[in-house]
Amino acid sequence: MRQRTVEVEGLAIAIRDAGPADAPGLLLLHGWPQSSHAFEAIVDELAGDQRVIAPDLPGIGGSHGAPETGEKAYLARLMKGLIAVCGLRQVIVAGHDVGGQIVFALLRDEPENLTGAVIMDVVIPGVAPWQDVIRNPRIWHFAFHAIPALPEILVSGHERAYFDFFFDILSKEKSAIPAEARDIYAKAYSRPESLKAGFDWYRAFAADAKVNSHPSATPIATPVLYLRGSAESGDIADYLDGLKAAGLSNVEGDIIPGSGHFVADENPGALAARLARFRQEIGA
């Protein structure tokens, strides 16, 4: 695995890059409050016969430059640019949390450019069960993070402690996310612009929901796999039904055992095996 930086629309994007340059591509997108380090344990494992790219999302960690917005359509456009800059072909895009919302935006806007897509542990703004999720008092942070400026004021300098709260309550076992990884994630958001970029993803939810609330006029036939950790709350069937109603005509679901929300950290072996099996299933 190599770590380097590429430029997309004037932004410096740090990437983990592994595998044969001309092999079919796999793009791995992390969520909040993580970085590409989330996929550290699986990049090389999946790179035997495919080109694997895992970026720090714009503004996060080793990626520098201020993104224009946290709207997922914009971030999807940047990821399309990253695919082009890296020369990826026959691309499967897999995203966790906010990364999964970006994957959905790519599916909606660029389905013909994707061989397959994987969405992990996330609800899509504007897509069922979105309304149920945002009404859930356990998801209080969606509203808090959307407040302008205040989250930065309160969290700046306390990133590790604040992120620990979410790692502890959303993982199946706290110990699955070790101190070293938690330190790396906290550092990835320690710059003011990084902290803002992460909270801006939440501030864009209303705009994302407005775009996503209109089902695709033409069914999207790209193969899609939706994954949830076994200890995640919510019935996976509700998420699959929502994605189908939004226009995804070829979607299946599965559960990653022994995991809560942070599947790549909590059970990387099972995740890598399921991603490899998905690739085989769709003949990529």
Protein backbone atom coordinates (compact mmCIF):
# COMPACT_ATOMS: atom_id res chain seq x y z
CA MET A 1 0.00 0.00 0.00
CA ARG A 2 1.26 3.43 -0.98
CA GLN A 3 0.16 6.73 0.51
CA ARG A 4 0.21 9.77 -1.74
CA THR A 5 -1.70 12.92 -2.61
CA VAL A 6 -3.54 13.77 -5.83
CA GLU A 7 -5.32 16.94 -6.90
CA VAL A 8 -9.03 17.11 -7.69
CA GLU A 9 -10.67 20.45 -8.51
CA GLY A 10 -7.92 22.33 -6.69
CA LEU A 11 -8.16 20.19 -3.54
CA ALA A 12 -5.35 17.93 -2.32
CA ILE A 13 -6.77 14.46 -1.66
CA ALA A 14 -4.65 12.02 0.36
CA ILE A 15 -5.13 8.41 -0.73
CA ARG A 16 -4.10 4.89 0.21
CA ASP A 17 -3.37 3.11 -3.06
CA ALA A 18 -2.72 -0.60 -3.53
CA GLY A 19 -2.95 -3.28 -6.19
CA PRO A 20 -2.11 -3.59 -9.90
CA ALA A 21 -2.50 -0.29 -11.72
CA ASP A 22 -4.59 -1.77 -14.55
CA ALA A 23 -6.82 -4.02 -12.42
CA PRO A 24 -10.55 -3.38 -11.80
CA GLY A 25 -11.02 -0.63 -9.21
CA LEU A 26 -12.42 -0.51 -5.68
CA LEU A 27 -12.95 2.91 -4.07
CA LEU A 28 -13.44 2.86 -0.28
CA LEU A 29 -15.06 5.92 1.35
CA HIS A 30 -14.98 6.42 5.12
CA GLY A 31 -17.53 8.21 7.27
CA TRP A 32 -17.62 10.43 10.37
CA PRO A 33 -15.61 10.66 12.59
CA GLN A 34 -13.06 8.55 10.75
CA SER A 35 -10.49 8.76 7.99
CA SER A 36 -9.13 6.33 5.41
CA HIS A 37 -7.36 4.61 8.31
CA ALA A 38 -10.68 2.80 8.85
CA PHE A 39 -9.75 0.58 5.88
CA GLU A 40 -6.11 0.05 6.89
CA ALA A 41 -6.69 -3.61 7.70
CA ILE A 42 -8.41 -4.53 4.42
CA VAL A 43 -6.76 -2.47 1.66
CA ASP A 44 -3.88 -4.87 1.02
CA GLU A 45 -6.10 -7.91 1.54
CA LEU A 46 -8.42 -6.80 -1.25
CA ALA A 47 -5.66 -5.55 -3.55
CA GLY A 48 -4.38 -8.89 -4.85
CA ASP A 49 -6.21 -8.62 -8.15
CA GLN A 50 -7.88 -5.22 -7.98
CA ARG A 51 -6.76 -1.61 -7.61
CA VAL A 52 -7.90 -0.33 -4.22
CA ILE A 53 -8.06 3.39 -3.42
CA ALA A 54 -9.09 4.71 0.01
CA PRO A 55 -9.07 8.53 0.27
CA ASP A 56 -9.31 10.84 3.22
CA LEU A 57 -12.51 12.68 2.29
CA PRO A 58 -11.99 16.33 1.25
CA GLY A 59 -10.68 18.44 4.12
CA ILE A 60 -10.11 15.46 6.44
CA GLY A 61 -6.78 14.10 7.67
CA GLY A 62 -4.13 14.32 4.98
CA SER A 63 -6.54 15.95 2.50
CA HIS A 64 -6.19 19.72 2.36
CA GLY A 65 -8.21 22.58 0.94
CA ALA A 66 -11.67 23.73 1.93
CA PRO A 67 -14.54 21.86 0.23
CA GLU A 68 -17.25 24.14 -1.17
CA THR A 69 -20.03 22.37 0.71
CA GLY A 70 -20.89 19.17 2.53
CA GLU A 71 -23.60 18.31 0.00
CA LYS A 72 -23.21 14.74 -1.16
CA ALA A 73 -23.79 15.54 -4.84
CA TYR A 74 -20.73 17.82 -4.72
CA LEU A 75 -18.64 15.27 -2.84
CA ALA A 76 -19.73 12.60 -5.33
CA ARG A 77 -18.51 14.85 -8.14
CA LEU A 78 -15.14 15.09 -6.42
CA MET A 79 -15.01 11.31 -6.07
CA LYS A 80 -15.82 10.98 -9.77
CA GLY A 81 -12.85 13.26 -10.39
CA LEU A 82 -10.69 11.12 -8.11
CA ILE A 83 -11.68 8.01 -10.05
CA ALA A 84 -10.57 9.75 -13.24
CA VAL A 85 -7.30 11.08 -11.81
CA CYS A 86 -6.38 7.65 -10.47
CA GLY A 87 -7.35 5.98 -13.75
CA LEU A 88 -9.73 3.50 -12.11
CA ARG A 89 -11.86 1.29 -14.35
CA GLN A 90 -14.70 -1.18 -13.75
CA VAL A 91 -15.18 0.56 -10.42
CA ILE A 92 -17.01 -0.70 -7.37
CA VAL A 93 -17.54 2.08 -4.82
CA ALA A 94 -18.05 1.13 -1.17
CA GLY A 95 -18.90 3.75 1.44
CA HIS A 96 -19.48 3.66 5.18
CA ASP A 97 -21.66 6.16 7.07
CA VAL A 98 -21.37 9.51 5.23
CA GLY A 99 -19.26 7.69 2.65
CA GLY A 100 -22.34 5.57 1.94
CA GLN A 101 -24.39 8.71 1.36
CA ILE A 102 -21.78 9.79 -1.19
CA VAL A 103 -22.05 6.36 -2.84
CA PHE A 104 -25.82 6.86 -3.14
CA ALA A 105 -25.25 10.24 -4.81
CA LEU A 106 -22.85 8.60 -7.28
CA LEU A 107 -25.45 5.91 -8.00
CA ARG A 108 -28.12 8.53 -8.56
CA ASP A 109 -26.01 10.77 -10.81
CA GLU A 110 -23.46 8.43 -12.44
CA PRO A 111 -24.87 4.86 -12.41
CA GLU A 112 -23.42 4.05 -15.82
CA ASN A 113 -19.89 4.65 -14.47
CA LEU A 114 -20.16 2.12 -11.63
CA THR A 115 -19.81 -1.65 -11.88
CA GLY A 116 -21.25 -2.05 -8.39
CA ALA A 117 -21.86 -0.18 -5.14
CA VAL A 118 -21.81 -0.97 -1.42
CA ILE A 119 -23.54 1.20 1.20
CA MET A 120 -22.72 0.48 4.85
CA ASP A 121 -24.37 1.39 8.15
CA VAL A 122 -26.14 4.56 7.13
CA VAL A 123 -29.51 6.06 6.32
CA ILE A 124 -29.76 8.12 3.14
CA PRO A 125 -31.22 11.63 3.63
CA GLY A 126 -34.68 11.78 2.07
CA VAL A 127 -34.87 7.99 1.63
CA ALA A 128 -36.87 5.80 4.03
CA PRO A 129 -36.43 5.26 6.92
CA TRP A 130 -34.95 8.79 7.02
CA GLN A 131 -37.89 10.38 8.82
CA ASP A 132 -37.91 7.67 11.50
CA VAL A 133 -34.18 8.02 12.07
CA ILE A 134 -34.15 11.80 12.49
CA ARG A 135 -37.03 11.54 14.97
CA ASN A 136 -35.09 9.06 17.10
CA PRO A 137 -33.75 10.84 20.22
CA ARG A 138 -30.68 8.55 20.15
CA ILE A 139 -29.67 10.31 16.93
CA TRP A 140 -29.53 13.75 18.63
CA HIS A 141 -26.15 14.55 17.09
CA PHE A 142 -27.63 14.98 13.58
CA ALA A 143 -29.35 18.17 14.75
CA PHE A 144 -26.45 19.34 16.93
CA HIS A 145 -23.86 18.94 14.18
CA ALA A 146 -26.06 20.92 11.79
CA ILE A 147 -25.95 24.06 13.97
CA PRO A 148 -23.59 26.65 12.43
CA ALA A 149 -20.26 27.17 14.27
CA LEU A 150 -21.35 25.91 17.72
CA PRO A 151 -20.14 22.30 17.34
CA GLU A 152 -16.69 23.55 16.32
CA ILE A 153 -16.53 25.85 19.37
CA LEU A 154 -17.47 23.06 21.79
CA VAL A 155 -15.56 20.17 20.23
CA SER A 156 -12.32 21.89 19.16
CA GLY A 157 -9.51 20.65 21.38
CA HIS A 158 -11.72 17.84 22.69
CA GLU A 159 -12.01 15.74 19.51
CA ARG A 160 -10.71 12.54 21.11
CA ALA A 161 -13.12 12.66 24.05
CA TYR A 162 -16.08 13.64 21.85
CA PHE A 163 -15.41 10.94 19.26
CA ASP A 164 -14.87 8.36 22.02
CA PHE A 165 -18.48 8.83 23.07
CA PHE A 166 -19.68 7.65 19.64
CA PHE A 167 -17.12 4.86 19.30
CA ASP A 168 -18.16 3.54 22.71
CA ILE A 169 -21.94 3.62 22.27
CA LEU A 170 -22.13 2.61 18.60
CA SER A 171 -19.65 -0.26 18.57
CA LYS A 172 -20.54 -3.76 19.75
CA GLU A 173 -17.41 -3.89 21.92
CA LYS A 174 -15.50 -0.73 22.89
CA SER A 175 -12.19 -2.56 22.66
CA ALA A 176 -12.70 -3.22 18.95
CA ILE A 177 -11.54 0.33 18.22
CA PRO A 178 -8.13 0.60 19.90
CA ALA A 179 -6.57 3.73 21.35
CA GLU A 180 -4.15 4.07 18.44
CA ALA A 181 -6.99 4.22 15.90
CA ARG A 182 -8.94 6.67 18.06
CA ASP A 183 -5.89 8.94 18.24
CA ILE A 184 -5.53 8.82 14.45
CA TYR A 185 -9.19 9.71 13.94
CA ALA A 186 -9.05 12.59 16.42
CA LYS A 187 -5.94 13.98 14.71
CA ALA A 188 -7.67 13.73 11.31
CA TYR A 189 -10.23 16.32 12.48
CA SER A 190 -7.93 18.44 14.65
CA ARG A 191 -7.48 21.29 12.14
CA PRO A 192 -10.31 23.86 12.24
CA GLU A 193 -11.04 23.32 8.55
CA SER A 194 -11.20 19.54 9.08
CA LEU A 195 -13.60 19.78 11.98
CA LYS A 196 -15.80 22.12 9.93
CA ALA A 197 -15.70 19.84 6.88
CA GLY A 198 -17.00 16.94 8.98
CA PHE A 199 -19.83 18.94 10.55
CA ASP A 200 -20.70 20.40 7.14
CA TRP A 201 -21.70 16.90 6.04
CA TYR A 202 -24.53 17.12 8.57
CA ARG A 203 -25.38 20.73 7.69
CA ALA A 204 -26.03 19.55 4.14
CA PHE A 205 -28.56 16.87 5.11
CA ALA A 206 -31.58 19.07 4.36
CA ALA A 207 -30.27 19.84 0.87
CA ASP A 208 -29.36 16.18 0.35
CA ALA A 209 -32.83 15.06 1.43
CA LYS A 210 -34.47 17.48 -0.99
CA VAL A 211 -32.52 15.99 -3.90
CA ASN A 212 -32.93 12.37 -2.80
CA SER A 213 -36.65 12.56 -2.04
CA HIS A 214 -37.50 12.28 -5.74
CA PRO A 215 -37.11 8.67 -6.92
CA SER A 216 -35.04 8.07 -10.02
CA ALA A 217 -37.17 8.41 -13.15
CA THR A 218 -35.38 5.38 -14.60
CA PRO A 219 -34.65 2.34 -12.42
CA ILE A 220 -30.97 2.11 -11.50
CA ALA A 221 -29.84 -1.43 -12.32
CA THR A 222 -26.30 -1.17 -10.91
CA PRO A 223 -25.80 -4.02 -8.39
CA VAL A 224 -25.95 -2.63 -4.85
CA LEU A 225 -25.11 -4.32 -1.56
CA TYR A 226 -26.38 -2.74 1.67
CA LEU A 227 -24.55 -3.84 4.85
CA ARG A 228 -25.25 -3.34 8.55
CA GLY A 229 -23.38 -4.48 11.63
CA SER A 230 -25.18 -7.17 13.61
CA ALA A 231 -25.46 -4.92 16.68
CA GLU A 232 -26.79 -1.90 14.76
CA SER A 233 -30.29 -0.76 15.70
CA GLY A 234 -33.02 -0.80 13.08
CA ASP A 235 -34.34 -3.50 10.76
CA ILE A 236 -32.23 -3.88 7.62
CA ALA A 237 -35.44 -4.63 5.67
CA ASP A 238 -36.59 -1.04 6.21
CA TYR A 239 -33.40 0.27 4.62
CA LEU A 240 -33.62 -2.12 1.68
CA ASP A 241 -37.25 -1.15 1.06
CA GLY A 242 -36.27 2.53 1.10
CA LEU A 243 -33.47 2.05 -1.39
CA LYS A 244 -35.74 0.08 -3.71
CA ALA A 245 -38.42 2.77 -3.50
CA ALA A 246 -35.74 5.35 -4.38
CA GLY A 247 -35.12 3.58 -7.69
CA LEU A 248 -32.43 0.96 -6.98
CA SER A 249 -33.76 -2.11 -8.76
CA ASN A 250 -30.88 -4.49 -8.02
CA VAL A 251 -30.18 -4.23 -4.29
CA GLU A 252 -29.51 -6.92 -1.68
CA GLY A 253 -28.65 -6.74 2.00
CA ASP A 254 -26.45 -8.56 4.45
CA ILE A 255 -25.28 -8.41 8.06
CA ILE A 256 -21.67 -8.21 9.23
CA PRO A 257 -21.46 -10.37 12.37
CA GLY A 258 -19.76 -9.29 15.59
CA SER A 259 -20.00 -5.62 14.73
CA GLY A 260 -21.86 -2.48 15.61
CA HIS A 261 -21.71 0.66 13.50
CA PHE A 262 -17.99 0.68 12.69
CA VAL A 263 -17.78 -2.52 10.64
CA ALA A 264 -14.35 -1.88 9.09
CA ASP A 265 -12.76 -1.47 12.53
CA GLU A 266 -14.82 -4.06 14.38
CA ASN A 267 -14.73 -6.99 11.96
CA PRO A 268 -12.42 -6.19 9.04
CA GLY A 269 -12.01 -9.83 8.09
CA ALA A 270 -15.75 -10.39 7.62
CA LEU A 271 -16.09 -7.11 5.74
CA ALA A 272 -13.23 -7.92 3.37
CA ALA A 273 -14.70 -11.37 2.71
CA ARG A 274 -18.15 -9.93 1.98
CA LEU A 275 -16.76 -7.27 -0.37
CA ALA A 276 -14.80 -9.95 -2.22
CA ARG A 277 -17.90 -12.15 -2.47
CA PHE A 278 -19.96 -9.25 -3.79
CA ARG A 279 -17.41 -8.71 -6.53
CA GLN A 280 -17.66 -12.37 -7.47
CA GLU A 281 -21.46 -12.29 -7.40
CA ILE A 282 -21.63 -9.44 -9.90
CA GLY A 283 -18.86 -10.87 -12.07
CA ALA A 284 -16.57 -7.87 -11.72
